[in-house]
Amino acid sequence: VKVVNLGAISESSLKSQIGLSGYKMQLREITLDPGGQIARHDHFKRPGLVWTLSGSWVEGRPGGENEYPSSLKQAILEDEDTEHWFWNDGPEPARVVVCDIVPAQ
């Protein structure tokens, strides 16, 4: 898994703009090579959206799985009910953009 930070809106900016304290909003590009995996995790306090740029990857959830190829013009919603994991079973790297709100730390 390769992660490139593309930018962030700071905690102080989120607080002054919308009154949200203790968090930042970040934008990242994630590349998952063929055979690569992202472990099971939840988004109880980490909302986000995922958009596939190129390649394809599979999202597993307790209720089943979905494939997200770049040709599918649909974002993956990561809300308070999301628990999932990912893997790339395709022949090329899967590249996605992730925008999420995370603790500022």
Protein backbone atom coordinates (compact mmCIF):
# COMPACT_ATOMS: atom_id res chain seq x y z
CA VAL A 1 0.00 0.00 0.00
CA LYS A 2 1.38 3.39 -1.01
CA VAL A 3 -0.15 6.56 0.44
CA VAL A 4 0.51 10.08 -0.87
CA ASN A 5 -0.85 13.04 1.10
CA LEU A 6 -2.42 15.52 -1.32
CA GLY A 7 -3.55 18.17 1.16
CA ALA A 8 -5.43 18.85 4.37
CA ILE A 9 -7.73 21.42 5.93
CA SER A 10 -6.40 22.12 9.40
CA GLU A 11 -8.19 21.73 12.69
CA SER A 12 -8.16 25.51 13.23
CA SER A 13 -9.72 26.11 9.81
CA LEU A 14 -12.48 23.53 10.36
CA LYS A 15 -13.19 25.07 13.75
CA SER A 16 -13.46 28.63 12.38
CA GLN A 17 -15.41 27.59 9.25
CA ILE A 18 -17.92 25.09 10.61
CA GLY A 19 -17.28 24.83 14.37
CA LEU A 20 -15.70 21.35 14.26
CA SER A 21 -12.97 20.98 16.89
CA GLY A 22 -10.36 18.23 17.19
CA TYR A 23 -10.45 17.09 13.56
CA LYS A 24 -8.86 17.80 10.18
CA MET A 25 -10.03 16.92 6.66
CA GLN A 26 -7.46 15.23 4.45
CA LEU A 27 -7.11 14.17 0.83
CA ARG A 28 -4.87 11.22 -0.04
CA GLU A 29 -4.04 9.05 -3.04
CA ILE A 30 -3.75 5.37 -2.18
CA THR A 31 -2.24 2.76 -4.51
CA LEU A 32 -2.87 -0.92 -3.90
CA ASP A 33 -0.70 -3.24 -5.98
CA PRO A 34 -2.08 -6.50 -7.42
CA GLY A 35 -2.52 -8.95 -4.55
CA GLY A 36 -2.41 -6.11 -2.00
CA GLN A 37 -4.83 -5.78 0.89
CA ILE A 38 -6.10 -3.23 3.38
CA ALA A 39 -7.10 -4.81 6.69
CA ARG A 40 -10.60 -4.79 8.13
CA HIS A 41 -11.42 -1.46 9.80
CA ASP A 42 -14.39 0.73 10.69
CA HIS A 43 -15.36 4.35 10.20
CA PHE A 44 -17.39 4.91 13.35
CA LYS A 45 -15.61 8.24 13.93
CA ARG A 46 -13.91 8.70 10.56
CA PRO A 47 -16.31 9.61 7.73
CA GLY A 48 -14.97 9.58 4.21
CA LEU A 49 -15.45 9.12 0.49
CA VAL A 50 -13.35 6.98 -1.86
CA TRP A 51 -13.09 7.42 -5.65
CA THR A 52 -11.34 4.89 -7.91
CA LEU A 53 -8.97 6.62 -10.35
CA SER A 54 -7.56 3.60 -12.17
CA GLY A 55 -7.51 -0.15 -11.91
CA SER A 56 -10.05 -1.99 -9.79
CA TRP A 57 -10.40 -3.17 -6.24
CA VAL A 58 -12.84 -5.22 -4.21
CA GLU A 59 -14.46 -3.94 -1.02
CA GLY A 60 -15.51 -6.56 1.49
CA ARG A 61 -18.20 -5.84 4.08
CA PRO A 62 -19.88 -8.16 6.59
CA GLY A 63 -22.88 -8.39 4.22
CA GLY A 64 -20.92 -9.13 1.04
CA GLU A 65 -18.50 -7.61 -1.41
CA ASN A 66 -18.49 -5.10 -4.27
CA GLU A 67 -16.01 -4.43 -7.04
CA TYR A 68 -15.06 -0.82 -7.78
CA PRO A 69 -13.40 -0.50 -11.19
CA SER A 70 -12.43 2.96 -12.41
CA SER A 71 -15.16 2.70 -15.07
CA LEU A 72 -17.82 2.65 -12.32
CA LYS A 73 -18.65 6.26 -11.58
CA GLN A 74 -19.65 5.70 -7.97
CA ALA A 75 -17.89 6.71 -4.76
CA ILE A 76 -17.56 4.41 -1.78
CA LEU A 77 -19.32 5.97 1.20
CA GLU A 78 -17.58 5.51 4.55
CA ASP A 79 -20.13 6.48 7.22
CA GLU A 80 -20.68 5.56 10.87
CA ASP A 81 -22.04 2.12 9.87
CA THR A 82 -19.10 1.20 7.63
CA GLU A 83 -16.87 -1.72 8.51
CA HIS A 84 -14.87 -2.99 5.54
CA TRP A 85 -11.62 -4.20 4.00
CA PHE A 86 -10.13 -4.07 0.50
CA TRP A 87 -8.00 -6.16 -1.82
CA ASN A 88 -6.77 -5.91 -5.39
CA ASP A 89 -7.33 -9.10 -7.35
CA GLY A 90 -6.72 -7.41 -10.71
CA PRO A 91 -3.62 -7.36 -12.94
CA GLU A 92 -2.77 -3.67 -12.41
CA PRO A 93 -2.38 -1.33 -9.42
CA ALA A 94 -5.60 0.18 -8.10
CA ARG A 95 -5.34 3.94 -7.48
CA VAL A 96 -7.95 5.75 -5.43
CA VAL A 97 -8.46 9.17 -3.90
CA VAL A 98 -9.71 9.25 -0.32
CA CYS A 99 -11.15 12.32 1.40
CA ASP A 100 -11.86 11.86 5.08
CA ILE A 101 -12.25 13.65 8.39
CA VAL A 102 -9.82 12.37 11.02
CA PRO A 103 -8.69 13.30 14.53
CA ALA A 104 -6.23 16.20 14.31
CA GLN A 105 -3.63 14.71 16.71
